[in-house]
Amino acid sequence: MLDLISVLSRWAIPLFLFVVLVAGTLRGVRVFEAFVEGAEQGFGMAVKIIPFLVAMIVAISIFRASGAMDLFLGLVSPLFTCLGAPPEILPHALMRPLSGGAALGIATELIEEHGPDSLIGLLVSTAQGSSDTTFYVLTLYFGAVGIRKYRYALASGLTADLTTLLASILVVATVFRG
């Protein structure tokens, strides 16, 4: 069974691309020209989002360097302890909505320090895999397409981030410590 899964996973993307090419050709789509046009639009979009990306990186750096992150972590740490979650995962929980790369770096450090099968390793892995980078999505993608009014998207995203964090704590406590 593992061999079958391995073969399927290895061929899934090439097979998908082949099906898309055949379907496009059968429908009369000029596949190569459509690909080149899409690549050109993608490059234009990449150039357009650079200012938003730089702004996000600067904001995260200021947040960390100013000590605001440490202050916030100190305030929230007792709540995490009451929930049965180790406060060591707080930097990851706070960074995940801001930056996927930074959150992954924090998760990697925690897993290396405490081990992948530790409570901290399991919590941070579950949270990393079940949440998204809300501020990154709003800043980069919404900014790139010109969406200016994203108040409800921000509230929804942050609510989802909090929900996935609490669900991660509950799932790990139930499944792995239970």
N, C-alpha and C. Protein backbone atom coordinates (compact mmCIF):
# COMPACT_ATOMS: atom_id res chain seq x y z
N MET A 1 0.83 -1.20 0.00
CA MET A 1 0.00 0.00 0.00
C MET A 1 0.87 1.26 0.00
N LEU A 2 1.95 1.24 0.80
CA LEU A 2 2.84 2.39 0.84
C LEU A 2 3.50 2.64 -0.50
N ASP A 3 3.84 1.56 -1.20
CA ASP A 3 4.44 1.70 -2.53
C ASP A 3 3.46 2.34 -3.50
N LEU A 4 2.19 1.95 -3.44
CA LEU A 4 1.18 2.53 -4.31
C LEU A 4 1.02 4.02 -4.04
N ILE A 5 0.95 4.39 -2.77
CA ILE A 5 0.83 5.80 -2.40
C ILE A 5 2.06 6.58 -2.88
N SER A 6 3.22 6.00 -2.74
CA SER A 6 4.45 6.65 -3.19
C SER A 6 4.43 6.88 -4.70
N VAL A 7 4.02 5.90 -5.44
CA VAL A 7 3.95 6.04 -6.91
C VAL A 7 2.90 7.07 -7.30
N LEU A 8 1.73 7.00 -6.66
CA LEU A 8 0.67 7.97 -6.97
C LEU A 8 1.11 9.40 -6.66
N SER A 9 1.76 9.60 -5.52
CA SER A 9 2.18 10.95 -5.16
C SER A 9 3.26 11.47 -6.10
N ARG A 10 4.10 10.59 -6.59
CA ARG A 10 5.16 10.99 -7.51
C ARG A 10 4.60 11.40 -8.87
N TRP A 11 3.50 10.75 -9.30
CA TRP A 11 2.95 11.00 -10.62
C TRP A 11 1.72 11.91 -10.61
N ALA A 12 1.26 12.36 -9.47
CA ALA A 12 0.02 13.16 -9.39
C ALA A 12 0.14 14.46 -10.17
N ILE A 13 1.18 15.22 -9.95
CA ILE A 13 1.30 16.52 -10.62
C ILE A 13 1.57 16.36 -12.11
N PRO A 14 2.52 15.49 -12.53
CA PRO A 14 2.69 15.32 -13.98
C PRO A 14 1.41 14.84 -14.67
N LEU A 15 0.66 13.95 -14.03
CA LEU A 15 -0.59 13.47 -14.61
C LEU A 15 -1.61 14.60 -14.71
N PHE A 16 -1.68 15.41 -13.67
CA PHE A 16 -2.60 16.55 -13.69
C PHE A 16 -2.25 17.50 -14.83
N LEU A 17 -0.97 17.81 -14.98
CA LEU A 17 -0.54 18.70 -16.06
C LEU A 17 -0.86 18.10 -17.43
N PHE A 18 -0.66 16.82 -17.59
CA PHE A 18 -0.98 16.14 -18.84
C PHE A 18 -2.47 16.24 -19.14
N VAL A 19 -3.31 16.01 -18.15
CA VAL A 19 -4.76 16.09 -18.34
C VAL A 19 -5.16 17.51 -18.73
N VAL A 20 -4.58 18.51 -18.10
CA VAL A 20 -4.88 19.90 -18.44
C VAL A 20 -4.48 20.20 -19.88
N LEU A 21 -3.30 19.75 -20.27
CA LEU A 21 -2.84 19.98 -21.65
C LEU A 21 -3.74 19.30 -22.66
N VAL A 22 -4.12 18.06 -22.40
CA VAL A 22 -4.99 17.33 -23.33
C VAL A 22 -6.37 17.98 -23.38
N ALA A 23 -6.94 18.32 -22.23
CA ALA A 23 -8.26 18.95 -22.19
C ALA A 23 -8.25 20.29 -22.92
N GLY A 24 -7.21 21.08 -22.69
CA GLY A 24 -7.10 22.36 -23.39
C GLY A 24 -6.99 22.20 -24.89
N THR A 25 -6.20 21.24 -25.32
CA THR A 25 -6.03 20.99 -26.74
C THR A 25 -7.34 20.51 -27.37
N LEU A 26 -8.04 19.62 -26.69
CA LEU A 26 -9.32 19.13 -27.21
C LEU A 26 -10.37 20.23 -27.31
N ARG A 27 -10.28 21.22 -26.46
CA ARG A 27 -11.24 22.34 -26.48
C ARG A 27 -10.81 23.45 -27.43
N GLY A 28 -9.68 23.28 -28.07
CA GLY A 28 -9.23 24.27 -29.05
C GLY A 28 -8.46 25.43 -28.43
N VAL A 29 -8.03 25.28 -27.22
CA VAL A 29 -7.26 26.33 -26.56
C VAL A 29 -5.82 26.27 -27.06
N ARG A 30 -5.25 27.39 -27.36
CA ARG A 30 -3.84 27.44 -27.74
C ARG A 30 -3.05 27.42 -26.43
N VAL A 31 -2.71 26.24 -26.00
CA VAL A 31 -2.19 25.99 -24.66
C VAL A 31 -0.91 26.75 -24.39
N PHE A 32 0.05 26.70 -25.27
CA PHE A 32 1.33 27.37 -25.04
C PHE A 32 1.13 28.88 -24.95
N GLU A 33 0.34 29.45 -25.83
CA GLU A 33 0.09 30.89 -25.82
C GLU A 33 -0.62 31.30 -24.53
N ALA A 34 -1.57 30.48 -24.10
CA ALA A 34 -2.28 30.77 -22.84
C ALA A 34 -1.32 30.71 -21.66
N PHE A 35 -0.40 29.74 -21.69
CA PHE A 35 0.60 29.63 -20.63
C PHE A 35 1.49 30.87 -20.60
N VAL A 36 1.98 31.29 -21.75
CA VAL A 36 2.86 32.47 -21.82
C VAL A 36 2.14 33.72 -21.35
N GLU A 37 0.88 33.87 -21.74
CA GLU A 37 0.09 35.03 -21.29
C GLU A 37 -0.09 35.02 -19.78
N GLY A 38 -0.38 33.85 -19.22
CA GLY A 38 -0.52 33.73 -17.76
C GLY A 38 0.78 34.01 -17.04
N ALA A 39 1.89 33.52 -17.59
CA ALA A 39 3.20 33.78 -16.98
C ALA A 39 3.51 35.27 -17.00
N GLU A 40 3.15 35.94 -18.09
CA GLU A 40 3.38 37.38 -18.19
C GLU A 40 2.56 38.14 -17.14
N GLN A 41 1.32 37.75 -16.97
CA GLN A 41 0.48 38.38 -15.96
C GLN A 41 1.00 38.09 -14.56
N GLY A 42 1.50 36.88 -14.35
CA GLY A 42 2.07 36.52 -13.05
C GLY A 42 3.30 37.34 -12.72
N PHE A 43 4.14 37.57 -13.71
CA PHE A 43 5.33 38.39 -13.49
C PHE A 43 4.94 39.83 -13.15
N GLY A 44 3.95 40.35 -13.86
CA GLY A 44 3.47 41.70 -13.55
C GLY A 44 2.92 41.80 -12.14
N MET A 45 2.21 40.77 -11.72
CA MET A 45 1.65 40.75 -10.37
C MET A 45 2.77 40.67 -9.33
N ALA A 46 3.81 39.88 -9.63
CA ALA A 46 4.94 39.76 -8.70
C ALA A 46 5.62 41.11 -8.50
N VAL A 47 5.79 41.86 -9.55
CA VAL A 47 6.40 43.19 -9.46
C VAL A 47 5.49 44.12 -8.67
N LYS A 48 4.19 43.99 -8.87
CA LYS A 48 3.22 44.85 -8.19
C LYS A 48 3.17 44.62 -6.68
N ILE A 49 3.44 43.39 -6.23
CA ILE A 49 3.31 43.10 -4.80
C ILE A 49 4.59 43.36 -4.01
N ILE A 50 5.68 43.67 -4.67
CA ILE A 50 6.94 43.90 -3.95
C ILE A 50 6.81 44.98 -2.88
N PRO A 51 6.21 46.15 -3.15
CA PRO A 51 6.09 47.15 -2.07
C PRO A 51 5.31 46.65 -0.86
N PHE A 52 4.26 45.87 -1.09
CA PHE A 52 3.46 45.33 0.01
C PHE A 52 4.27 44.33 0.82
N LEU A 53 5.07 43.53 0.15
CA LEU A 53 5.92 42.56 0.82
C LEU A 53 6.98 43.25 1.67
N VAL A 54 7.60 44.28 1.13
CA VAL A 54 8.61 45.03 1.88
C VAL A 54 7.98 45.69 3.11
N ALA A 55 6.80 46.27 2.94
CA ALA A 55 6.11 46.90 4.07
C ALA A 55 5.80 45.88 5.16
N MET A 56 5.39 44.69 4.78
CA MET A 56 5.08 43.65 5.76
C MET A 56 6.33 43.22 6.51
N ILE A 57 7.42 43.03 5.82
CA ILE A 57 8.67 42.62 6.45
C ILE A 57 9.15 43.68 7.43
N VAL A 58 9.07 44.95 7.04
CA VAL A 58 9.49 46.05 7.92
C VAL A 58 8.60 46.10 9.16
N ALA A 59 7.29 45.94 8.98
CA ALA A 59 6.38 45.99 10.13
C ALA A 59 6.66 44.87 11.13
N ILE A 60 6.91 43.68 10.62
CA ILE A 60 7.22 42.56 11.51
C ILE A 60 8.53 42.80 12.24
N SER A 61 9.52 43.31 11.55
CA SER A 61 10.81 43.60 12.18
C SER A 61 10.68 44.64 13.28
N ILE A 62 9.91 45.68 13.03
CA ILE A 62 9.69 46.72 14.04
C ILE A 62 8.96 46.15 15.25
N PHE A 63 7.95 45.32 15.00
CA PHE A 63 7.18 44.70 16.07
C PHE A 63 8.08 43.87 16.99
N ARG A 64 8.97 43.10 16.41
CA ARG A 64 9.87 42.26 17.20
C ARG A 64 10.96 43.08 17.88
N ALA A 65 11.57 44.00 17.14
CA ALA A 65 12.71 44.77 17.67
C ALA A 65 12.29 45.76 18.75
N SER A 66 11.05 46.25 18.70
CA SER A 66 10.60 47.24 19.67
C SER A 66 10.33 46.65 21.05
N GLY A 67 10.20 45.34 21.11
CA GLY A 67 9.88 44.69 22.38
C GLY A 67 8.39 44.49 22.58
N ALA A 68 7.58 44.94 21.61
CA ALA A 68 6.13 44.79 21.72
C ALA A 68 5.74 43.32 21.75
N MET A 69 6.45 42.51 20.99
CA MET A 69 6.13 41.08 20.99
C MET A 69 6.40 40.47 22.36
N ASP A 70 7.53 40.79 22.96
CA ASP A 70 7.86 40.26 24.29
C ASP A 70 6.86 40.73 25.34
N LEU A 71 6.45 41.98 25.25
CA LEU A 71 5.46 42.52 26.18
C LEU A 71 4.14 41.76 26.06
N PHE A 72 3.69 41.57 24.85
CA PHE A 72 2.44 40.85 24.61
C PHE A 72 2.54 39.40 25.11
N LEU A 73 3.66 38.77 24.84
CA LEU A 73 3.85 37.38 25.28
C LEU A 73 3.80 37.28 26.80
N GLY A 74 4.37 38.25 27.49
CA GLY A 74 4.32 38.26 28.95
C GLY A 74 2.91 38.40 29.49
N LEU A 75 2.08 39.17 28.80
CA LEU A 75 0.69 39.37 29.23
C LEU A 75 -0.17 38.13 29.00
N VAL A 76 0.08 37.42 27.92
CA VAL A 76 -0.77 36.30 27.53
C VAL A 76 -0.31 34.97 28.12
N SER A 77 0.90 34.89 28.59
CA SER A 77 1.48 33.65 29.09
C SER A 77 0.64 32.98 30.18
N PRO A 78 0.11 33.71 31.18
CA PRO A 78 -0.71 33.04 32.21
C PRO A 78 -1.97 32.38 31.64
N LEU A 79 -2.56 32.98 30.62
CA LEU A 79 -3.74 32.40 29.99
C LEU A 79 -3.41 31.06 29.34
N PHE A 80 -2.27 30.99 28.68
CA PHE A 80 -1.85 29.73 28.05
C PHE A 80 -1.64 28.65 29.09
N THR A 81 -1.04 29.02 30.21
CA THR A 81 -0.81 28.06 31.28
C THR A 81 -2.13 27.51 31.80
N CYS A 82 -3.14 28.38 31.92
CA CYS A 82 -4.47 27.94 32.37
C CYS A 82 -5.11 26.98 31.37
N LEU A 83 -4.83 27.16 30.09
CA LEU A 83 -5.38 26.29 29.06
C LEU A 83 -4.65 24.95 28.97
N GLY A 84 -3.55 24.82 29.71
CA GLY A 84 -2.77 23.59 29.66
C GLY A 84 -1.77 23.56 28.53
N ALA A 85 -1.51 24.72 27.95
CA ALA A 85 -0.55 24.81 26.85
C ALA A 85 0.73 25.46 27.37
N PRO A 86 1.87 24.93 26.98
CA PRO A 86 3.12 25.54 27.43
C PRO A 86 3.32 26.92 26.80
N PRO A 87 3.73 27.90 27.60
CA PRO A 87 3.93 29.26 27.07
C PRO A 87 5.01 29.34 26.00
N GLU A 88 5.83 28.32 25.86
CA GLU A 88 6.88 28.34 24.84
C GLU A 88 6.33 28.41 23.42
N ILE A 89 5.06 28.01 23.23
CA ILE A 89 4.50 28.08 21.89
C ILE A 89 3.92 29.45 21.55
N LEU A 90 3.90 30.35 22.52
CA LEU A 90 3.36 31.69 22.28
C LEU A 90 4.04 32.45 21.15
N PRO A 91 5.36 32.47 21.05
CA PRO A 91 5.95 33.19 19.91
C PRO A 91 5.46 32.67 18.57
N HIS A 92 5.29 31.37 18.46
CA HIS A 92 4.77 30.80 17.22
C HIS A 92 3.32 31.23 17.00
N ALA A 93 2.50 31.15 18.06
CA ALA A 93 1.09 31.51 17.94
C ALA A 93 0.93 32.97 17.53
N LEU A 94 1.80 33.82 18.01
CA LEU A 94 1.72 35.23 17.68
C LEU A 94 2.28 35.51 16.29
N MET A 95 3.31 34.81 15.89
CA MET A 95 3.95 35.09 14.62
C MET A 95 3.22 34.45 13.45
N ARG A 96 2.48 33.38 13.66
CA ARG A 96 1.83 32.67 12.56
C ARG A 96 0.91 33.56 11.73
N PRO A 97 0.06 34.41 12.33
CA PRO A 97 -0.78 35.28 11.49
C PRO A 97 0.03 36.35 10.73
N LEU A 98 1.25 36.60 11.17
CA LEU A 98 2.05 37.65 10.54
C LEU A 98 2.92 37.15 9.41
N SER A 99 3.62 36.05 9.62
CA SER A 99 4.59 35.60 8.64
C SER A 99 4.76 34.09 8.69
N GLY A 100 4.51 33.44 7.58
CA GLY A 100 4.66 31.99 7.52
C GLY A 100 6.10 31.56 7.69
N GLY A 101 7.03 32.30 7.08
CA GLY A 101 8.44 31.96 7.18
C GLY A 101 8.97 32.11 8.60
N ALA A 102 8.60 33.21 9.25
CA ALA A 102 9.04 33.43 10.63
C ALA A 102 8.43 32.38 11.56
N ALA A 103 7.15 32.07 11.35
CA ALA A 103 6.49 31.06 12.18
C ALA A 103 7.12 29.68 11.98
N LEU A 104 7.46 29.37 10.74
CA LEU A 104 8.12 28.09 10.47
C LEU A 104 9.49 28.03 11.13
N GLY A 105 10.21 29.15 11.12
CA GLY A 105 11.50 29.21 11.81
C GLY A 105 11.36 28.98 13.30
N ILE A 106 10.37 29.61 13.90
CA ILE A 106 10.12 29.42 15.34
C ILE A 106 9.71 27.97 15.61
N ALA A 107 8.85 27.41 14.76
CA ALA A 107 8.43 26.02 14.94
C ALA A 107 9.63 25.08 14.84
N THR A 108 10.49 25.33 13.89
CA THR A 108 11.68 24.50 13.72
C THR A 108 12.58 24.56 14.95
N GLU A 109 12.78 25.75 15.48
CA GLU A 109 13.60 25.90 16.69
C GLU A 109 12.98 25.16 17.87
N LEU A 110 11.67 25.28 18.04
CA LEU A 110 10.99 24.61 19.15
C LEU A 110 11.06 23.09 19.01
N ILE A 111 10.90 22.61 17.79
CA ILE A 111 10.95 21.16 17.56
C ILE A 111 12.37 20.64 17.78
N GLU A 112 13.37 21.40 17.34
CA GLU A 112 14.75 20.98 17.57
C GLU A 112 15.10 20.97 19.05
N GLU A 113 14.58 21.94 19.79
CA GLU A 113 14.89 22.06 21.21
C GLU A 113 14.14 21.02 22.05
N HIS A 114 12.86 20.81 21.75
CA HIS A 114 12.02 19.96 22.61
C HIS A 114 11.72 18.59 22.01
N GLY A 115 11.94 18.42 20.72
CA GLY A 115 11.67 17.15 20.06
C GLY A 115 10.33 17.14 19.37
N PRO A 116 10.21 16.40 18.27
CA PRO A 116 8.96 16.39 17.51
C PRO A 116 7.81 15.68 18.22
N ASP A 117 8.12 14.78 19.13
CA ASP A 117 7.07 14.05 19.84
C ASP A 117 6.75 14.64 21.21
N SER A 118 7.38 15.75 21.55
CA SER A 118 7.07 16.43 22.81
C SER A 118 5.74 17.16 22.68
N LEU A 119 5.19 17.55 23.81
CA LEU A 119 3.95 18.33 23.79
C LEU A 119 4.13 19.61 22.98
N ILE A 120 5.24 20.29 23.18
CA ILE A 120 5.51 21.53 22.45
C ILE A 120 5.65 21.24 20.95
N GLY A 121 6.38 20.19 20.60
CA GLY A 121 6.55 19.84 19.20
C GLY A 121 5.23 19.50 18.52
N LEU A 122 4.40 18.74 19.21
CA LEU A 122 3.09 18.37 18.65
C LEU A 122 2.18 19.59 18.52
N LEU A 123 2.17 20.45 19.53
CA LEU A 123 1.32 21.64 19.48
C LEU A 123 1.73 22.58 18.36
N VAL A 124 3.02 22.85 18.27
CA VAL A 124 3.48 23.80 17.27
C VAL A 124 3.31 23.23 15.85
N SER A 125 3.48 21.93 15.69
CA SER A 125 3.27 21.30 14.38
C SER A 125 1.81 21.37 13.97
N THR A 126 0.93 21.07 14.91
CA THR A 126 -0.50 21.11 14.62
C THR A 126 -0.96 22.52 14.31
N ALA A 127 -0.49 23.50 15.08
CA ALA A 127 -0.87 24.89 14.84
C ALA A 127 -0.30 25.39 13.51
N GLN A 128 0.92 25.01 13.19
CA GLN A 128 1.54 25.44 11.93
C GLN A 128 0.75 24.92 10.73
N GLY A 129 0.30 23.69 10.82
CA GLY A 129 -0.40 23.09 9.70
C GLY A 129 -1.87 23.46 9.58
N SER A 130 -2.44 24.05 10.61
CA SER A 130 -3.88 24.30 10.59
C SER A 130 -4.25 25.78 10.57
N SER A 131 -3.27 26.65 10.44
CA SER A 131 -3.59 28.08 10.42
C SER A 131 -2.95 28.74 9.21
N ASP A 132 -3.28 30.00 9.01
CA ASP A 132 -2.75 30.72 7.85
C ASP A 132 -2.14 32.04 8.30
N THR A 133 -1.54 32.72 7.37
CA THR A 133 -0.86 33.98 7.63
C THR A 133 -1.80 35.14 7.29
N THR A 134 -2.69 35.45 8.21
CA THR A 134 -3.76 36.41 7.97
C THR A 134 -3.24 37.77 7.49
N PHE A 135 -2.32 38.36 8.22
CA PHE A 135 -1.84 39.69 7.84
C PHE A 135 -1.07 39.66 6.52
N TYR A 136 -0.35 38.58 6.30
CA TYR A 136 0.37 38.43 5.04
C TYR A 136 -0.61 38.38 3.87
N VAL A 137 -1.67 37.59 4.01
CA VAL A 137 -2.68 37.47 2.96
C VAL A 137 -3.35 38.82 2.72
N LEU A 138 -3.74 39.49 3.81
CA LEU A 138 -4.42 40.78 3.64
C LEU A 138 -3.50 41.82 3.02
N THR A 139 -2.27 41.90 3.50
CA THR A 139 -1.35 42.90 3.00
C THR A 139 -0.96 42.63 1.56
N LEU A 140 -0.55 41.43 1.30
CA LEU A 140 0.00 41.11 -0.01
C LEU A 140 -1.07 40.94 -1.07
N TYR A 141 -1.98 40.03 -0.85
CA TYR A 141 -2.95 39.70 -1.89
C TYR A 141 -4.04 40.75 -2.02
N PHE A 142 -4.58 41.20 -0.90
CA PHE A 142 -5.60 42.23 -1.00
C PHE A 142 -5.01 43.52 -1.56
N GLY A 143 -3.79 43.86 -1.11
CA GLY A 143 -3.14 45.06 -1.63
C GLY A 143 -2.82 44.96 -3.10
N ALA A 144 -2.42 43.79 -3.54
CA ALA A 144 -2.05 43.61 -4.95
C ALA A 144 -3.23 43.77 -5.89
N VAL A 145 -4.42 43.38 -5.46
CA VAL A 145 -5.58 43.50 -6.33
C VAL A 145 -6.41 44.74 -6.03
N GLY A 146 -5.94 45.56 -5.09
CA GLY A 146 -6.57 46.85 -4.85
C GLY A 146 -7.74 46.85 -3.88
N ILE A 147 -7.89 45.82 -3.07
CA ILE A 147 -8.96 45.80 -2.09
C ILE A 147 -8.53 46.67 -0.91
N ARG A 148 -9.30 47.68 -0.58
CA ARG A 148 -8.94 48.62 0.48
C ARG A 148 -9.77 48.43 1.75
N LYS A 149 -10.98 47.95 1.61
CA LYS A 149 -11.86 47.77 2.77
C LYS A 149 -11.87 46.29 3.15
N TYR A 150 -11.01 45.93 4.10
CA TYR A 150 -10.93 44.52 4.47
C TYR A 150 -11.09 44.31 5.97
N ARG A 151 -11.89 45.17 6.59
CA ARG A 151 -12.11 45.06 8.02
C ARG A 151 -12.71 43.72 8.41
N TYR A 152 -13.73 43.27 7.71
CA TYR A 152 -14.37 42.01 8.06
C TYR A 152 -13.46 40.83 7.75
N ALA A 153 -12.66 40.94 6.71
CA ALA A 153 -11.70 39.88 6.41
C ALA A 153 -10.67 39.76 7.53
N LEU A 154 -10.23 40.89 8.06
CA LEU A 154 -9.27 40.88 9.17
C LEU A 154 -9.88 40.22 10.41
N ALA A 155 -11.10 40.62 10.75
CA ALA A 155 -11.77 40.02 11.92
C ALA A 155 -11.98 38.53 11.71
N SER A 156 -12.40 38.13 10.54
CA SER A 156 -12.61 36.71 10.24
C SER A 156 -11.30 35.94 10.30
N GLY A 157 -10.25 36.50 9.72
CA GLY A 157 -8.95 35.83 9.72
C GLY A 157 -8.39 35.65 11.12
N LEU A 158 -8.45 36.69 11.93
CA LEU A 158 -7.94 36.60 13.30
C LEU A 158 -8.77 35.65 14.15
N THR A 159 -10.09 35.64 13.92
CA THR A 159 -10.95 34.68 14.62
C THR A 159 -10.58 33.25 14.22
N ALA A 160 -10.33 33.05 12.95
CA ALA A 160 -9.92 31.72 12.48
C ALA A 160 -8.56 31.33 13.08
N ASP A 161 -7.64 32.29 13.17
CA ASP A 161 -6.33 32.00 13.78
C ASP A 161 -6.47 31.59 15.24
N LEU A 162 -7.28 32.31 15.99
CA LEU A 162 -7.51 31.97 17.39
C LEU A 162 -8.21 30.62 17.52
N THR A 163 -9.18 30.39 16.67
CA THR A 163 -9.91 29.12 16.71
C THR A 163 -8.98 27.94 16.41
N THR A 164 -8.12 28.09 15.41
CA THR A 164 -7.22 26.98 15.08
C THR A 164 -6.19 26.76 16.18
N LEU A 165 -5.77 27.83 16.85
CA LEU A 165 -4.84 27.67 17.97
C LEU A 165 -5.51 26.90 19.11
N LEU A 166 -6.71 27.30 19.47
CA LEU A 166 -7.43 26.61 20.55
C LEU A 166 -7.77 25.17 20.14
N ALA A 167 -8.13 24.97 18.89
CA ALA A 167 -8.41 23.61 18.42
C ALA A 167 -7.15 22.76 18.44
N SER A 168 -6.01 23.36 18.10
CA SER A 168 -4.74 22.62 18.16
C SER A 168 -4.45 22.16 19.58
N ILE A 169 -4.66 23.06 20.54
CA ILE A 169 -4.42 22.71 21.95
C ILE A 169 -5.37 21.58 22.36
N LEU A 170 -6.63 21.68 21.97
CA LEU A 170 -7.62 20.65 22.32
C LEU A 170 -7.30 19.31 21.65
N VAL A 171 -6.97 19.35 20.38
CA VAL A 171 -6.69 18.10 19.65
C VAL A 171 -5.44 17.41 20.22
N VAL A 172 -4.39 18.17 20.43
CA VAL A 172 -3.16 17.58 20.97
C VAL A 172 -3.41 17.04 22.37
N ALA A 173 -4.15 17.79 23.20
CA ALA A 173 -4.43 17.32 24.56
C ALA A 173 -5.29 16.06 24.52
N THR A 174 -6.22 15.98 23.60
CA THR A 174 -7.10 14.82 23.52
C THR A 174 -6.44 13.62 22.88
N VAL A 175 -5.80 13.83 21.77
CA VAL A 175 -5.26 12.71 21.00
C VAL A 175 -3.93 12.21 21.56
N PHE A 176 -3.05 13.12 21.90
CA PHE A 176 -1.69 12.72 22.27
C PHE A 176 -1.45 12.63 23.76
N ARG A 177 -2.20 13.38 24.57
CA ARG A 177 -2.00 13.31 26.02
C ARG A 177 -3.12 12.55 26.68
N GLY A 178 -4.23 12.37 25.94
CA GLY A 178 -5.46 11.84 26.47
C GLY A 178 -5.42 10.50 27.04
